[in-house]
N, C-alpha and C. Protein backbone atom coordinates (compact mmCIF):
# COMPACT_ATOMS: atom_id res chain seq x y z
N MET A 1 -16.15 31.46 7.97
CA MET A 1 -14.97 32.26 7.77
C MET A 1 -15.15 33.08 6.49
N LYS A 2 -14.87 34.36 6.55
CA LYS A 2 -15.01 35.23 5.38
C LYS A 2 -13.65 35.65 4.89
N THR A 3 -13.55 35.82 3.57
CA THR A 3 -12.30 36.28 2.97
C THR A 3 -12.41 37.77 2.72
N GLU A 4 -11.35 38.34 2.15
CA GLU A 4 -11.32 39.77 1.88
C GLU A 4 -12.42 40.22 0.94
N ASP A 5 -12.81 39.39 -0.01
CA ASP A 5 -13.85 39.78 -0.96
C ASP A 5 -15.23 39.27 -0.52
N ASP A 6 -15.43 39.09 0.77
CA ASP A 6 -16.71 38.73 1.38
C ASP A 6 -17.30 37.41 0.89
N ARG A 7 -16.46 36.48 0.50
CA ARG A 7 -16.94 35.15 0.17
C ARG A 7 -16.82 34.26 1.40
N VAL A 8 -17.75 33.37 1.54
CA VAL A 8 -17.72 32.43 2.65
C VAL A 8 -17.02 31.16 2.19
N ILE A 9 -16.05 30.73 2.95
CA ILE A 9 -15.32 29.51 2.63
C ILE A 9 -15.63 28.49 3.72
N LEU A 10 -16.14 27.36 3.30
CA LEU A 10 -16.46 26.29 4.25
C LEU A 10 -15.33 25.27 4.23
N ASP A 11 -14.83 24.96 5.40
CA ASP A 11 -13.79 23.95 5.53
C ASP A 11 -14.44 22.63 5.90
N VAL A 12 -14.51 21.72 4.94
CA VAL A 12 -15.17 20.43 5.14
C VAL A 12 -14.48 19.65 6.26
N ARG A 13 -13.18 19.78 6.36
CA ARG A 13 -12.44 19.05 7.40
C ARG A 13 -12.88 19.46 8.80
N LYS A 14 -13.22 20.72 8.96
CA LYS A 14 -13.66 21.19 10.27
C LYS A 14 -15.14 20.89 10.51
N LEU A 15 -15.94 20.94 9.45
CA LEU A 15 -17.37 20.69 9.60
C LEU A 15 -17.68 19.21 9.81
N PHE A 16 -16.98 18.35 9.09
CA PHE A 16 -17.24 16.91 9.14
C PHE A 16 -15.95 16.14 9.37
N PRO A 17 -15.31 16.30 10.52
CA PRO A 17 -14.00 15.67 10.72
C PRO A 17 -14.05 14.14 10.69
N GLN A 18 -15.10 13.53 11.20
CA GLN A 18 -15.18 12.07 11.21
C GLN A 18 -15.36 11.52 9.80
N ALA A 19 -16.16 12.19 8.99
CA ALA A 19 -16.36 11.74 7.60
C ALA A 19 -15.06 11.85 6.81
N VAL A 20 -14.33 12.93 7.03
CA VAL A 20 -13.05 13.10 6.33
C VAL A 20 -12.08 12.02 6.78
N ARG A 21 -12.07 11.73 8.07
CA ARG A 21 -11.18 10.68 8.59
C ARG A 21 -11.53 9.32 7.99
N ARG A 22 -12.83 9.00 7.90
CA ARG A 22 -13.25 7.73 7.30
C ARG A 22 -12.84 7.67 5.84
N ALA A 23 -12.95 8.77 5.12
CA ALA A 23 -12.56 8.79 3.71
C ALA A 23 -11.06 8.54 3.57
N GLU A 24 -10.25 9.11 4.46
CA GLU A 24 -8.81 8.88 4.42
C GLU A 24 -8.49 7.42 4.74
N ILE A 25 -9.18 6.86 5.74
CA ILE A 25 -8.96 5.45 6.10
C ILE A 25 -9.37 4.55 4.95
N LEU A 26 -10.48 4.87 4.28
CA LEU A 26 -10.92 4.07 3.14
C LEU A 26 -9.87 4.07 2.03
N GLU A 27 -9.28 5.21 1.75
CA GLU A 27 -8.25 5.27 0.71
C GLU A 27 -7.05 4.41 1.07
N ARG A 28 -6.64 4.45 2.33
CA ARG A 28 -5.53 3.60 2.77
C ARG A 28 -5.93 2.13 2.74
N LEU A 29 -7.19 1.83 3.07
CA LEU A 29 -7.68 0.45 3.02
C LEU A 29 -7.65 -0.07 1.57
N LYS A 30 -8.03 0.76 0.62
CA LYS A 30 -8.00 0.35 -0.78
C LYS A 30 -6.59 -0.03 -1.21
N ARG A 31 -5.60 0.75 -0.75
CA ARG A 31 -4.21 0.45 -1.12
C ARG A 31 -3.70 -0.82 -0.45
N SER A 32 -4.20 -1.12 0.76
CA SER A 32 -3.71 -2.29 1.48
C SER A 32 -4.67 -3.47 1.41
N TRP A 33 -5.69 -3.40 0.58
CA TRP A 33 -6.71 -4.44 0.49
C TRP A 33 -6.14 -5.84 0.27
N PRO A 34 -5.16 -6.04 -0.64
CA PRO A 34 -4.62 -7.39 -0.82
C PRO A 34 -4.00 -7.98 0.46
N SER A 35 -3.39 -7.15 1.30
CA SER A 35 -2.80 -7.67 2.53
C SER A 35 -3.87 -7.95 3.59
N VAL A 36 -5.03 -7.33 3.47
CA VAL A 36 -6.10 -7.54 4.45
C VAL A 36 -6.86 -8.83 4.14
N VAL A 37 -7.24 -9.05 2.88
CA VAL A 37 -8.09 -10.20 2.53
C VAL A 37 -7.36 -11.28 1.73
N GLY A 38 -6.16 -11.01 1.29
CA GLY A 38 -5.43 -11.99 0.49
C GLY A 38 -5.63 -11.74 -1.00
N MET A 39 -4.64 -12.13 -1.77
CA MET A 39 -4.64 -11.80 -3.19
C MET A 39 -5.77 -12.42 -4.00
N PRO A 40 -6.13 -13.68 -3.83
CA PRO A 40 -7.21 -14.18 -4.69
C PRO A 40 -8.51 -13.41 -4.51
N VAL A 41 -8.84 -13.05 -3.27
CA VAL A 41 -10.07 -12.33 -3.01
C VAL A 41 -9.94 -10.87 -3.43
N ALA A 42 -8.78 -10.27 -3.18
CA ALA A 42 -8.57 -8.86 -3.51
C ALA A 42 -8.65 -8.60 -5.01
N ARG A 43 -8.31 -9.61 -5.80
CA ARG A 43 -8.36 -9.43 -7.25
C ARG A 43 -9.80 -9.23 -7.74
N TYR A 44 -10.76 -9.80 -7.02
CA TYR A 44 -12.15 -9.76 -7.47
C TYR A 44 -13.05 -8.96 -6.54
N SER A 45 -12.47 -8.16 -5.65
CA SER A 45 -13.27 -7.34 -4.75
C SER A 45 -12.51 -6.08 -4.39
N TRP A 46 -13.23 -5.08 -3.91
CA TRP A 46 -12.60 -3.83 -3.48
C TRP A 46 -13.56 -3.10 -2.56
N PRO A 47 -13.00 -2.46 -1.53
CA PRO A 47 -13.84 -1.67 -0.63
C PRO A 47 -14.24 -0.38 -1.32
N CYS A 48 -15.50 0.02 -1.15
CA CYS A 48 -15.93 1.23 -1.86
C CYS A 48 -16.53 2.29 -0.94
N VAL A 49 -17.12 1.92 0.21
CA VAL A 49 -17.72 2.90 1.12
C VAL A 49 -17.42 2.48 2.55
N LEU A 50 -16.91 3.42 3.34
CA LEU A 50 -16.71 3.18 4.76
C LEU A 50 -17.58 4.16 5.52
N GLY A 51 -18.62 3.63 6.15
CA GLY A 51 -19.53 4.47 6.91
C GLY A 51 -19.35 4.23 8.40
N VAL A 52 -20.30 4.71 9.17
CA VAL A 52 -20.27 4.47 10.61
C VAL A 52 -20.72 3.03 10.83
N ASP A 53 -19.82 2.21 11.28
CA ASP A 53 -20.07 0.79 11.57
C ASP A 53 -20.50 -0.04 10.38
N VAL A 54 -20.12 0.34 9.17
CA VAL A 54 -20.40 -0.49 8.00
C VAL A 54 -19.33 -0.24 6.93
N LEU A 55 -18.88 -1.32 6.33
CA LEU A 55 -17.98 -1.25 5.19
C LEU A 55 -18.68 -1.92 4.03
N THR A 56 -18.80 -1.21 2.93
CA THR A 56 -19.41 -1.79 1.73
C THR A 56 -18.29 -2.20 0.79
N VAL A 57 -18.36 -3.45 0.38
CA VAL A 57 -17.35 -4.03 -0.51
C VAL A 57 -18.08 -4.52 -1.75
N GLU A 58 -17.49 -4.28 -2.91
CA GLU A 58 -18.04 -4.80 -4.16
C GLU A 58 -17.22 -6.01 -4.58
N ALA A 59 -17.91 -7.06 -5.01
CA ALA A 59 -17.24 -8.28 -5.47
C ALA A 59 -17.85 -8.70 -6.79
N VAL A 60 -17.03 -9.28 -7.66
CA VAL A 60 -17.50 -9.62 -9.00
C VAL A 60 -17.89 -11.07 -9.18
N ASN A 61 -17.55 -11.95 -8.22
CA ASN A 61 -17.94 -13.34 -8.40
C ASN A 61 -18.36 -13.97 -7.07
N ASP A 62 -19.00 -15.12 -7.16
CA ASP A 62 -19.53 -15.80 -5.98
C ASP A 62 -18.41 -16.23 -5.02
N GLN A 63 -17.31 -16.69 -5.54
CA GLN A 63 -16.21 -17.13 -4.68
C GLN A 63 -15.72 -15.98 -3.80
N ALA A 64 -15.53 -14.82 -4.40
CA ALA A 64 -15.07 -13.66 -3.62
C ALA A 64 -16.11 -13.27 -2.58
N ARG A 65 -17.39 -13.27 -2.97
CA ARG A 65 -18.44 -12.90 -2.01
C ARG A 65 -18.49 -13.89 -0.85
N ASN A 66 -18.39 -15.19 -1.14
CA ASN A 66 -18.43 -16.20 -0.08
C ASN A 66 -17.23 -16.09 0.86
N ARG A 67 -16.06 -15.87 0.30
CA ARG A 67 -14.87 -15.75 1.14
C ARG A 67 -14.92 -14.48 1.98
N LEU A 68 -15.41 -13.37 1.39
CA LEU A 68 -15.51 -12.12 2.14
C LEU A 68 -16.50 -12.23 3.29
N ALA A 69 -17.55 -13.01 3.10
CA ALA A 69 -18.56 -13.17 4.15
C ALA A 69 -17.95 -13.77 5.41
N ASN A 70 -16.86 -14.50 5.28
CA ASN A 70 -16.19 -15.12 6.43
C ASN A 70 -14.96 -14.36 6.89
N MET A 71 -14.73 -13.17 6.37
CA MET A 71 -13.51 -12.43 6.70
C MET A 71 -13.75 -11.19 7.55
N ARG A 72 -14.84 -11.12 8.25
CA ARG A 72 -15.14 -9.94 9.07
C ARG A 72 -14.00 -9.65 10.04
N GLY A 73 -13.45 -10.67 10.68
CA GLY A 73 -12.36 -10.49 11.63
C GLY A 73 -11.10 -9.93 10.98
N ASN A 74 -10.74 -10.47 9.83
CA ASN A 74 -9.57 -9.96 9.11
C ASN A 74 -9.76 -8.49 8.74
N ILE A 75 -10.96 -8.17 8.27
CA ILE A 75 -11.24 -6.80 7.85
C ILE A 75 -11.20 -5.86 9.06
N LEU A 76 -11.76 -6.29 10.19
CA LEU A 76 -11.72 -5.47 11.41
C LEU A 76 -10.28 -5.23 11.87
N ARG A 77 -9.44 -6.26 11.81
CA ARG A 77 -8.04 -6.08 12.19
C ARG A 77 -7.33 -5.11 11.24
N GLY A 78 -7.62 -5.23 9.95
CA GLY A 78 -7.02 -4.31 8.98
C GLY A 78 -7.45 -2.88 9.21
N LEU A 79 -8.74 -2.69 9.49
CA LEU A 79 -9.24 -1.34 9.77
C LEU A 79 -8.65 -0.80 11.07
N SER A 80 -8.49 -1.67 12.05
CA SER A 80 -7.91 -1.26 13.33
C SER A 80 -6.48 -0.78 13.15
N ARG A 81 -5.70 -1.47 12.31
CA ARG A 81 -4.33 -1.05 12.03
C ARG A 81 -4.29 0.32 11.37
N LEU A 82 -5.35 0.65 10.64
CA LEU A 82 -5.42 1.95 9.96
C LEU A 82 -6.00 3.05 10.84
N GLY A 83 -6.41 2.70 12.05
CA GLY A 83 -6.92 3.70 12.99
C GLY A 83 -8.42 3.82 13.04
N TYR A 84 -9.14 2.88 12.45
CA TYR A 84 -10.61 2.92 12.47
C TYR A 84 -11.10 2.15 13.69
N GLU A 85 -11.95 2.78 14.49
CA GLU A 85 -12.51 2.13 15.66
C GLU A 85 -13.92 1.65 15.33
N ALA A 86 -14.07 0.35 15.19
CA ALA A 86 -15.36 -0.23 14.83
C ALA A 86 -16.15 -0.52 16.10
N GLY A 87 -17.44 -0.29 16.02
CA GLY A 87 -18.31 -0.60 17.14
C GLY A 87 -18.74 -2.06 17.13
N GLU A 88 -19.54 -2.42 18.12
CA GLU A 88 -20.01 -3.81 18.21
C GLU A 88 -20.91 -4.21 17.06
N ASN A 89 -21.60 -3.24 16.49
CA ASN A 89 -22.55 -3.52 15.41
C ASN A 89 -21.92 -3.40 14.02
N PHE A 90 -20.60 -3.43 13.94
CA PHE A 90 -19.93 -3.28 12.64
C PHE A 90 -20.31 -4.42 11.71
N THR A 91 -20.66 -4.07 10.47
CA THR A 91 -21.01 -5.08 9.48
C THR A 91 -20.23 -4.84 8.19
N VAL A 92 -20.06 -5.91 7.45
CA VAL A 92 -19.46 -5.83 6.12
C VAL A 92 -20.56 -6.16 5.13
N ARG A 93 -20.92 -5.19 4.33
CA ARG A 93 -21.96 -5.37 3.31
C ARG A 93 -21.26 -5.69 1.99
N ILE A 94 -21.66 -6.76 1.36
CA ILE A 94 -21.03 -7.19 0.11
C ILE A 94 -22.03 -7.02 -1.03
N ASN A 95 -21.70 -6.15 -1.95
CA ASN A 95 -22.55 -5.91 -3.12
C ASN A 95 -21.97 -6.63 -4.32
N GLU A 96 -22.88 -7.06 -5.18
CA GLU A 96 -22.47 -7.73 -6.42
C GLU A 96 -22.19 -6.67 -7.47
N ARG A 97 -21.14 -6.87 -8.21
CA ARG A 97 -20.82 -5.96 -9.30
C ARG A 97 -20.36 -6.79 -10.49
N GLU A 98 -20.86 -6.44 -11.64
CA GLU A 98 -20.47 -7.16 -12.85
C GLU A 98 -19.02 -6.84 -13.17
N SER A 99 -18.31 -7.86 -13.58
CA SER A 99 -16.91 -7.63 -13.93
C SER A 99 -16.85 -6.78 -15.19
N GLU A 100 -15.80 -6.01 -15.24
CA GLU A 100 -15.62 -5.18 -16.42
C GLU A 100 -15.19 -6.08 -17.56
N LYS A 101 -15.96 -6.06 -18.61
CA LYS A 101 -15.69 -6.95 -19.73
C LYS A 101 -14.43 -6.51 -20.46
N LYS A 102 -13.70 -7.51 -20.90
CA LYS A 102 -12.48 -7.22 -21.63
C LYS A 102 -12.84 -6.60 -22.97
N LEU A 103 -12.07 -5.61 -23.31
CA LEU A 103 -12.29 -4.97 -24.60
C LEU A 103 -11.76 -5.87 -25.71
N GLU A 104 -12.54 -5.97 -26.74
CA GLU A 104 -12.10 -6.77 -27.87
C GLU A 104 -11.05 -5.99 -28.65
N ALA A 105 -10.07 -6.71 -29.13
CA ALA A 105 -9.03 -6.06 -29.91
C ALA A 105 -9.62 -5.52 -31.20
N LYS A 106 -9.27 -4.29 -31.49
CA LYS A 106 -9.78 -3.69 -32.71
C LYS A 106 -9.05 -4.28 -33.91
N LYS A 107 -9.80 -4.45 -34.97
CA LYS A 107 -9.20 -4.93 -36.19
C LYS A 107 -8.33 -3.82 -36.77
N PRO A 108 -7.24 -4.19 -37.40
CA PRO A 108 -6.39 -3.16 -37.98
C PRO A 108 -7.15 -2.36 -39.04
N VAL A 109 -6.90 -1.08 -39.02
CA VAL A 109 -7.56 -0.19 -39.97
C VAL A 109 -6.68 -0.06 -41.20
N ARG A 110 -7.32 -0.19 -42.35
CA ARG A 110 -6.57 -0.01 -43.60
C ARG A 110 -6.27 1.46 -43.78
N VAL A 111 -5.05 1.74 -44.17
CA VAL A 111 -4.62 3.12 -44.33
C VAL A 111 -4.02 3.28 -45.72
N LYS A 112 -4.45 4.32 -46.38
CA LYS A 112 -3.86 4.65 -47.68
C LYS A 112 -2.89 5.81 -47.44
N VAL A 113 -1.70 5.66 -47.94
CA VAL A 113 -0.68 6.68 -47.74
C VAL A 113 -0.41 7.38 -49.06
N ILE A 114 -0.47 8.68 -49.02
CA ILE A 114 -0.19 9.48 -50.21
C ILE A 114 1.25 9.97 -50.08
N GLU A 115 2.09 9.50 -50.99
CA GLU A 115 3.50 9.87 -50.97
C GLU A 115 3.87 10.49 -52.31
N SER A 116 4.78 11.43 -52.26
CA SER A 116 5.27 12.00 -53.51
C SER A 116 6.74 12.40 -53.33
N GLU A 117 7.48 12.28 -54.42
CA GLU A 117 8.90 12.65 -54.40
C GLU A 117 9.05 14.14 -54.09
N GLU A 118 8.13 14.91 -54.59
CA GLU A 118 8.16 16.36 -54.39
C GLU A 118 8.10 16.72 -52.90
N LYS A 119 7.16 16.07 -52.18
CA LYS A 119 6.99 16.31 -50.75
C LYS A 119 8.22 15.82 -49.98
N LEU A 120 8.77 14.67 -50.39
CA LEU A 120 9.96 14.12 -49.75
C LEU A 120 11.13 15.09 -49.88
N MET A 121 11.33 15.63 -51.04
CA MET A 121 12.43 16.57 -51.27
C MET A 121 12.23 17.86 -50.46
N GLN A 122 10.98 18.27 -50.31
CA GLN A 122 10.68 19.46 -49.52
C GLN A 122 11.10 19.25 -48.06
N TYR A 123 10.81 18.07 -47.50
CA TYR A 123 11.21 17.77 -46.13
C TYR A 123 12.73 17.66 -46.01
N MET A 124 13.35 17.03 -47.01
CA MET A 124 14.80 16.85 -46.95
C MET A 124 15.52 18.18 -47.04
N ASN A 125 15.01 19.13 -47.80
CA ASN A 125 15.66 20.44 -47.94
C ASN A 125 15.56 21.26 -46.65
N GLY A 126 14.58 20.98 -45.83
CA GLY A 126 14.42 21.74 -44.59
C GLY A 126 15.26 21.21 -43.44
N ALA A 127 16.04 20.15 -43.67
CA ALA A 127 16.83 19.55 -42.60
C ALA A 127 18.16 20.30 -42.42
N PRO A 128 18.75 20.21 -41.22
CA PRO A 128 20.06 20.86 -41.00
C PRO A 128 21.15 20.21 -41.87
N ASP A 129 22.17 20.97 -42.21
CA ASP A 129 23.25 20.48 -43.06
C ASP A 129 24.09 19.41 -42.37
N THR A 130 24.12 19.42 -41.05
CA THR A 130 24.94 18.45 -40.31
C THR A 130 24.31 17.06 -40.25
N LEU A 131 23.04 16.93 -40.65
CA LEU A 131 22.35 15.64 -40.62
C LEU A 131 22.81 14.78 -41.79
N PRO A 132 23.29 13.56 -41.54
CA PRO A 132 23.71 12.69 -42.65
C PRO A 132 22.57 12.43 -43.62
N ASP A 133 22.91 12.23 -44.89
CA ASP A 133 21.91 12.07 -45.95
C ASP A 133 20.98 10.88 -45.72
N ASP A 134 21.54 9.74 -45.28
CA ASP A 134 20.68 8.57 -45.09
C ASP A 134 19.67 8.78 -43.95
N ILE A 135 20.10 9.43 -42.89
CA ILE A 135 19.17 9.72 -41.79
C ILE A 135 18.16 10.77 -42.21
N ASN A 136 18.61 11.78 -42.97
CA ASN A 136 17.72 12.82 -43.47
C ASN A 136 16.64 12.19 -44.35
N PHE A 137 17.04 11.26 -45.22
CA PHE A 137 16.07 10.59 -46.09
C PHE A 137 15.06 9.80 -45.26
N ALA A 138 15.55 9.02 -44.28
CA ALA A 138 14.66 8.18 -43.47
C ALA A 138 13.68 9.03 -42.66
N VAL A 139 14.16 10.07 -42.02
CA VAL A 139 13.29 10.92 -41.19
C VAL A 139 12.29 11.66 -42.07
N SER A 140 12.75 12.18 -43.19
CA SER A 140 11.84 12.90 -44.10
C SER A 140 10.79 11.97 -44.67
N HIS A 141 11.18 10.76 -45.02
CA HIS A 141 10.23 9.78 -45.55
C HIS A 141 9.19 9.42 -44.49
N LEU A 142 9.65 9.22 -43.26
CA LEU A 142 8.73 8.90 -42.18
C LEU A 142 7.75 10.05 -41.94
N LYS A 143 8.24 11.26 -41.91
CA LYS A 143 7.37 12.42 -41.69
C LYS A 143 6.35 12.53 -42.81
N MET A 144 6.78 12.36 -44.05
CA MET A 144 5.87 12.42 -45.18
C MET A 144 4.83 11.30 -45.08
N HIS A 145 5.27 10.11 -44.68
CA HIS A 145 4.38 8.97 -44.55
C HIS A 145 3.31 9.24 -43.48
N LEU A 146 3.72 9.74 -42.33
CA LEU A 146 2.78 9.98 -41.24
C LEU A 146 1.79 11.10 -41.56
N GLU A 147 2.25 12.13 -42.23
CA GLU A 147 1.35 13.23 -42.56
C GLU A 147 0.44 12.88 -43.73
N GLY A 148 0.83 11.93 -44.57
CA GLY A 148 0.05 11.59 -45.74
C GLY A 148 -0.94 10.47 -45.53
N ARG A 149 -1.12 10.05 -44.29
CA ARG A 149 -2.02 8.92 -44.01
C ARG A 149 -3.48 9.35 -44.14
N ILE A 150 -4.26 8.52 -44.78
CA ILE A 150 -5.70 8.72 -44.89
C ILE A 150 -6.35 7.42 -44.46
N VAL A 151 -7.15 7.47 -43.42
CA VAL A 151 -7.82 6.27 -42.93
C VAL A 151 -9.01 5.97 -43.80
N LEU A 152 -9.10 4.72 -44.27
CA LEU A 152 -10.22 4.32 -45.12
C LEU A 152 -11.35 3.77 -44.29
């Protein structure tokens, strides 16, 4: 198909309708994965590729891999509910994936704050007249504090 400026536009949906359909089914399968395999297994596994007669699932531990190996029927029923027609040679391939390591909490960073009465008064003078003095002082002090931070 050509456009007005003579560019060719390829419609992937028309060229590869089955691949697009499998991609859509895979996305729906990802959202419904806990109901297909159950929560303990779903927490440590996820479907990642849906091909012709093969589903590739990644699992992070042996328990999830072992349980998934026995769930071919559950997975086929789940795919069937989503509109996927599996052939007789349908297989579930289970790949090992390392669990994402928990990030260590960062140690608090020491911060030196440069404050001055002069800067505080400058912020307070720029406030609207209707703002009460105590709130004006607090907001101006906070603004001065945040702008005067220097990370050591």
